[in-house]
C-alpha atoms as a PDB file:
ATOM      1  CA  MET A   1      -1.249  21.272   0.335  1.00  0.00           C
ATOM      2  CA  GLY A   2      -0.554  18.852   3.167  1.00  0.00           C
ATOM      3  CA  CYS A   3      -1.323  19.288   6.802  1.00  0.00           C
ATOM      4  CA  LYS A   4       1.611  21.742   7.294  1.00  0.00           C
ATOM      5  CA  ASP A   5       1.516  25.512   7.280  1.00  0.00           C
ATOM      6  CA  LYS A   6       1.670  27.010   3.658  1.00  0.00           C
ATOM      7  CA  ARG A   7       5.014  28.578   4.338  1.00  0.00           C
ATOM      8  CA  ASP A   8       6.515  25.112   5.039  1.00  0.00           C
ATOM      9  CA  LYS A   9       5.787  23.646   1.571  1.00  0.00           C
ATOM     10  CA  ASP A  10       9.320  22.086   1.276  1.00  0.00           C
ATOM     11  CA  ASN A  11       8.669  19.811   4.197  1.00  0.00           C
ATOM     12  CA  ASN A  12       6.151  16.899   3.617  1.00  0.00           C
ATOM     13  CA  CYS A  13       6.757  13.785   5.809  1.00  0.00           C
ATOM     14  CA  VAL A  14       4.271  11.699   3.536  1.00  0.00           C
ATOM     15  CA  CYS A  15       6.334  12.621   0.444  1.00  0.00           C
ATOM     16  CA  ASP A  16       9.618  11.777   2.396  1.00  0.00           C
ATOM     17  CA  ALA A  17       8.137   8.538   3.417  1.00  0.00           C
ATOM     18  CA  VAL A  18       6.946   7.520   0.020  1.00  0.00           C
ATOM     19  CA  GLU A  19      10.417   8.507  -1.584  1.00  0.00           C
ATOM     20  CA  GLN A  20      12.000   6.278   1.079  1.00  0.00           C
ATOM     21  CA  ILE A  21       9.634   3.295   0.474  1.00  0.00           C
ATOM     22  CA  LEU A  22      10.561   3.605  -3.195  1.00  0.00           C
ATOM     23  CA  ALA A  23      14.263   3.717  -2.420  1.00  0.00           C
ATOM     24  CA  GLU A  24      13.807   0.498  -0.220  1.00  0.00           C
ATOM     25  CA  GLN A  25      11.893  -1.360  -2.894  1.00  0.00           C
ATOM     26  CA  GLU A  26      14.621  -0.617  -5.370  1.00  0.00           C
ATOM     27  CA  ALA A  27      17.624  -1.643  -2.975  1.00  0.00           C
ATOM     28  CA  VAL A  28      17.174  -3.862  -0.008  1.00  0.00           C
ATOM     29  CA  GLU A  29      19.180  -2.643   3.029  1.00  0.00           C
ATOM     30  CA  GLU A  30      19.798  -3.463   6.598  1.00  0.00           C
ATOM     31  CA  ILE A  31      16.639  -3.168   8.867  1.00  0.00           C
ATOM     32  CA  THR A  32      16.632  -1.089  12.211  1.00  0.00           C
ATOM     33  CA  CYS A  33      12.877  -0.740  13.062  1.00  0.00           C
ATOM     34  CA  PRO A  34      10.423  -3.433  11.802  1.00  0.00           C
ATOM     35  CA  THR A  35       7.349  -1.166  11.035  1.00  0.00           C
ATOM     36  CA  SER A  36       8.799   2.288  10.195  1.00  0.00           C
ATOM     37  CA  CYS A  37       8.355   3.627   6.829  1.00  0.00           C
ATOM     38  CA  PHE A  38      11.857   4.952   7.148  1.00  0.00           C
ATOM     39  CA  SER A  39      13.504   1.513   7.728  1.00  0.00           C
ATOM     40  CA  ASN A  40      13.742  -1.251   5.237  1.00  0.00           C
ATOM     41  CA  LEU A  41      10.743  -3.439   5.664  1.00  0.00           C
ATOM     42  CA  LEU A  42      11.921  -5.951   2.912  1.00  0.00           C
ATOM     43  CA  ASN A  43      15.198  -6.910   4.520  1.00  0.00           C
ATOM     44  CA  PRO A  44      13.893  -9.979   6.736  1.00  0.00           C
ATOM     45  CA  VAL A  45      12.660 -11.477   3.454  1.00  0.00           C
ATOM     46  CA  ALA A  46      15.282 -10.410   1.124  1.00  0.00           C
ATOM     47  CA  GLY A  47      14.886 -11.815  -2.283  1.00  0.00           C
ATOM     48  CA  THR A  48      11.276 -12.963  -1.816  1.00  0.00           C
ATOM     49  CA  ARG A  49       9.578  -9.533  -1.610  1.00  0.00           C
ATOM     50  CA  ASP A  50       9.683  -6.315  -3.503  1.00  0.00           C
ATOM     51  CA  THR A  51       6.540  -4.540  -2.199  1.00  0.00           C
ATOM     52  CA  ILE A  52       6.129  -2.380   0.956  1.00  0.00           C
ATOM     53  CA  PRO A  53       2.296  -1.788   1.067  1.00  0.00           C
ATOM     54  CA  PHE A  54       0.953   1.153   2.746  1.00  0.00           C
ATOM     55  CA  ILE A  55      -2.200   3.092   3.437  1.00  0.00           C
ATOM     56  CA  LEU A  56      -2.658   6.843   3.293  1.00  0.00           C
ATOM     57  CA  THR A  57      -4.899   9.276   5.409  1.00  0.00           C
ATOM     58  CA  ASN A  58      -6.201  12.546   4.012  1.00  0.00           C
ATOM     59  CA  LYS A  59      -6.529  15.903   5.873  1.00  0.00           C
ATOM     60  CA  LYS A  60      -9.991  14.882   7.285  1.00  0.00           C
ATOM     61  CA  GLY A  61      -8.486  11.732   8.696  1.00  0.00           C
ATOM     62  CA  ASP A  62     -10.160   9.500   6.143  1.00  0.00           C
ATOM     63  CA  LEU A  63      -8.388   6.663   4.500  1.00  0.00           C
ATOM     64  CA  PHE A  64      -7.701   7.236   0.874  1.00  0.00           C
ATOM     65  CA  LYS A  65      -9.287   4.656  -1.527  1.00  0.00           C
ATOM     66  CA  ALA A  66      -8.992   3.955  -5.214  1.00  0.00           C
ATOM     67  CA  PHE A  67     -10.964   1.606  -7.728  1.00  0.00           C
ATOM     68  CA  GLY A  68      -9.307  -1.142  -9.770  1.00  0.00           C
ATOM     69  CA  ASN A  69     -10.569  -3.184 -12.756  1.00  0.00           C
ATOM     70  CA  VAL A  70     -13.477  -0.807 -13.141  1.00  0.00           C
ATOM     71  CA  GLY A  71     -15.751  -2.341 -15.834  1.00  0.00           C
ATOM     72  CA  GLY A  72     -14.270  -5.834 -15.054  1.00  0.00           C
ATOM     73  CA  PHE A  73     -12.224  -6.380 -18.062  1.00  0.00           C
ATOM     74  CA  THR A  74      -9.288  -8.231 -16.649  1.00  0.00           C
ATOM     75  CA  GLY A  75      -8.431 -11.356 -14.418  1.00  0.00           C
ATOM     76  CA  ASP A  76     -11.477 -12.434 -12.424  1.00  0.00           C
ATOM     77  CA  MET A  77     -13.618  -9.634 -13.931  1.00  0.00           C
ATOM     78  CA  THR A  78     -14.244  -8.178 -10.455  1.00  0.00           C
ATOM     79  CA  CYS A  79     -14.097  -4.389  -9.866  1.00  0.00           C
ATOM     80  CA  PHE A  80     -12.566  -3.675  -6.478  1.00  0.00           C
ATOM     81  CA  LYS A  81     -12.069  -0.797  -3.908  1.00  0.00           C
ATOM     82  CA  THR A  82      -8.677  -0.682  -2.091  1.00  0.00           C
ATOM     83  CA  ILE A  83      -7.024   1.384   0.342  1.00  0.00           C
ATOM     84  CA  PHE A  84      -3.674  -0.478  -0.159  1.00  0.00           C
ATOM     85  CA  PHE A  85      -0.967   0.853  -2.361  1.00  0.00           C
ATOM     86  CA  ARG A  86       2.549   0.239  -3.763  1.00  0.00           C
ATOM     87  CA  VAL A  87       4.777   3.065  -4.909  1.00  0.00           C
ATOM     88  CA  GLU A  88       5.933   2.784  -8.428  1.00  0.00           C
ATOM     89  CA  ALA A  89       7.608   6.253  -9.047  1.00  0.00           C
ATOM     90  CA  VAL A  90       7.991   9.734  -7.241  1.00  0.00           C
ATOM     91  CA  GLU A  91       8.730  13.060  -8.859  1.00  0.00           C
ATOM     92  CA  ASP A  92       8.223  16.542  -7.092  1.00  0.00           C
ATOM     93  CA  CYS A  93       5.814  15.045  -4.385  1.00  0.00           C
ATOM     94  CA  CYS A  94       3.716  13.446  -7.168  1.00  0.00           C
ATOM     95  CA  ALA A  95       3.593   9.625  -7.052  1.00  0.00           C
ATOM     96  CA  THR A  96       2.403   6.893  -9.380  1.00  0.00           C
ATOM     97  CA  LEU A  97       0.864   4.179  -7.098  1.00  0.00           C
ATOM     98  CA  SER A  98      -0.192   0.791  -8.066  1.00  0.00           C
ATOM     99  CA  LEU A  99      -3.336  -0.589  -6.398  1.00  0.00           C
ATOM    100  CA  LEU A 100      -2.853  -3.713  -4.340  1.00  0.00           C
ATOM    101  CA  ARG A 101      -5.940  -5.908  -4.789  1.00  0.00           C
ATOM    102  CA  PRO A 102      -7.410  -7.090  -1.249  1.00  0.00           C
ATOM    103  CA  VAL A 103      -8.112 -10.750  -1.181  1.00  0.00           C
ATOM    104  CA  ASP A 104      -9.754 -13.245   1.188  1.00  0.00           C
ATOM    105  CA  MET A 105      -8.155 -16.426   2.441  1.00  0.00           C
ATOM    106  CA  ASP A 106      -9.176 -18.266  -0.621  1.00  0.00           C
ATOM    107  CA  GLY A 107      -7.661 -15.579  -3.059  1.00  0.00           C
ATOM    108  CA  ASN A 108     -10.971 -14.069  -3.979  1.00  0.00           C
ATOM    109  CA  THR A 109     -11.125 -10.226  -4.555  1.00  0.00           C
ATOM    110  CA  GLU A 110     -12.494  -8.212  -1.639  1.00  0.00           C
ATOM    111  CA  SER A 111     -13.358  -4.634  -1.599  1.00  0.00           C
ATOM    112  CA  VAL A 112     -11.749  -3.030   1.540  1.00  0.00           C
ATOM    113  CA  CYS A 113     -12.403   0.187   3.118  1.00  0.00           C
ATOM    114  CA  ASP A 114     -10.935  -0.707   6.516  1.00  0.00           C
ATOM    115  CA  PRO A 115      -7.667  -2.611   7.079  1.00  0.00           C
ATOM    116  CA  CYS A 116      -9.409  -4.518   9.900  1.00  0.00           C
ATOM    117  CA  ASP A 117     -12.258  -5.795   7.566  1.00  0.00           C
ATOM    118  CA  GLU A 118     -13.067  -9.350   8.690  1.00  0.00           C
ATOM    119  CA  GLY A 119     -12.808 -10.915   5.129  1.00  0.00           C
ATOM    120  CA  PHE A 120      -9.470  -9.229   4.427  1.00  0.00           C
ATOM    121  CA  PHE A 121      -6.464 -11.672   4.384  1.00  0.00           C
ATOM    122  CA  GLY A 122      -3.845 -10.454   1.898  1.00  0.00           C
ATOM    123  CA  LEU A 123      -2.811  -8.393  -1.140  1.00  0.00           C
ATOM    124  CA  GLU A 124      -2.014  -9.058  -4.607  1.00  0.00           C
ATOM    125  CA  LYS A 125      -0.002  -6.697  -7.022  1.00  0.00           C
ATOM    126  CA  THR A 126      -1.896  -5.356  -9.952  1.00  0.00           C
ATOM    127  CA  ASP A 127      -1.164  -3.238 -13.074  1.00  0.00           C
ATOM    128  CA  PHE A 128      -3.841  -0.696 -12.071  1.00  0.00           C
ATOM    129  CA  CYS A 129      -2.300   2.703 -11.124  1.00  0.00           C
ATOM    130  CA  ILE A 130      -3.215   6.072  -9.924  1.00  0.00           C
ATOM    131  CA  GLU A 131      -1.346   9.471  -9.864  1.00  0.00           C
ATOM    132  CA  VAL A 132      -1.440  11.227  -6.674  1.00  0.00           C
ATOM    133  CA  ASP A 133      -0.153  14.471  -5.211  1.00  0.00           C
ATOM    134  CA  LEU A 134       1.298  13.489  -2.016  1.00  0.00           C
ATOM    135  CA  ASP A 135       0.799  17.082  -0.612  1.00  0.00           C
ATOM    136  CA  CYS A 136      -2.844  16.028  -0.063  1.00  0.00           C
ATOM    137  CA  PHE A 137      -2.229  13.459   2.568  1.00  0.00           C
ATOM    138  CA  CYS A 138      -1.348  13.817   6.287  1.00  0.00           C
ATOM    139  CA  ALA A 139      -0.460  10.406   7.308  1.00  0.00           C
ATOM    140  CA  ILE A 140       1.130   7.223   5.973  1.00  0.00           C
ATOM    141  CA  GLN A 141       1.191   3.670   7.571  1.00  0.00           C
ATOM    142  CA  CYS A 142       3.482   1.100   6.279  1.00  0.00           C
ATOM    143  CA  LEU A 143       2.289  -2.447   6.535  1.00  0.00           C
ATOM    144  CA  SER A 144       4.081  -5.731   6.546  1.00  0.00           C
ATOM    145  CA  PRO A 145       5.422  -6.958   3.085  1.00  0.00           C
ATOM    146  CA  GLU A 146       4.299 -10.353   4.328  1.00  0.00           C
ATOM    147  CA  LEU A 147       0.625  -9.308   3.270  1.00  0.00           C
ATOM    148  CA  VAL A 148       1.556  -9.407  -0.416  1.00  0.00           C
ATOM    149  CA  ASP A 149       0.913 -12.837  -2.043  1.00  0.00           C
ATOM    150  CA  ARG A 150       0.113 -14.161   1.455  1.00  0.00           C
ATOM    151  CA  ILE A 151      -0.802 -17.944   1.327  1.00  0.00           C
ATOM    152  CA  ALA A 152      -3.172 -19.369   3.882  1.00  0.00           C
ATOM    153  CA  ASP A 153      -1.919 -21.979   6.228  1.00  0.00           C
ATOM    154  CA  LYS A 154      -4.388 -24.860   5.234  1.00  0.00           C
ATOM    155  CA  LYS A 155      -3.845 -26.630   8.611  1.00  0.00           C
ATOM    156  CA  HIS A 156      -5.284 -23.704  10.489  1.00  0.00           C
ATOM    157  CA  HIS A 157      -7.936 -22.748   7.929  1.00  0.00           C
ATOM    158  CA  HIS A 158     -11.407 -23.008   9.481  1.00  0.00           C
ATOM    159  CA  HIS A 159     -14.548 -22.944   7.608  1.00  0.00           C
ATOM    160  CA  LYS A 160     -17.619 -21.080   9.208  1.00  0.00           C
END
């Protein structure tokens, strides 16, 4: 059950938003609001992006997180924790979400529990997926598609 009253089970804004994100990832359309989950965030970079990353908040106000590459069997062998997702499919308010791997400016895997974590720079798509009941979430925040496969501008890259 989401945050709404039990009698209002047919109205779930998180489910609606995720269905809209999926539709926009599948067909780029005209943009009207640059950061709304109900506008097409992909249009400004049409042809180069296919992912609208987002974060979900549960009923307690905590960010939803999942784990990828548990056991370290693929890629850089690093298990990671993420709060960033891409919708792959939605049916009856149940969604398949792929985990987006948080990376630092050098492309190294980061475990991120807060979108403002200092080391977080961008996201990479993965094949790690999770099935979720969208009724369990109260809020969704869409993020810029520019975060996915983001490349550091080496001219402005400063080492500590």
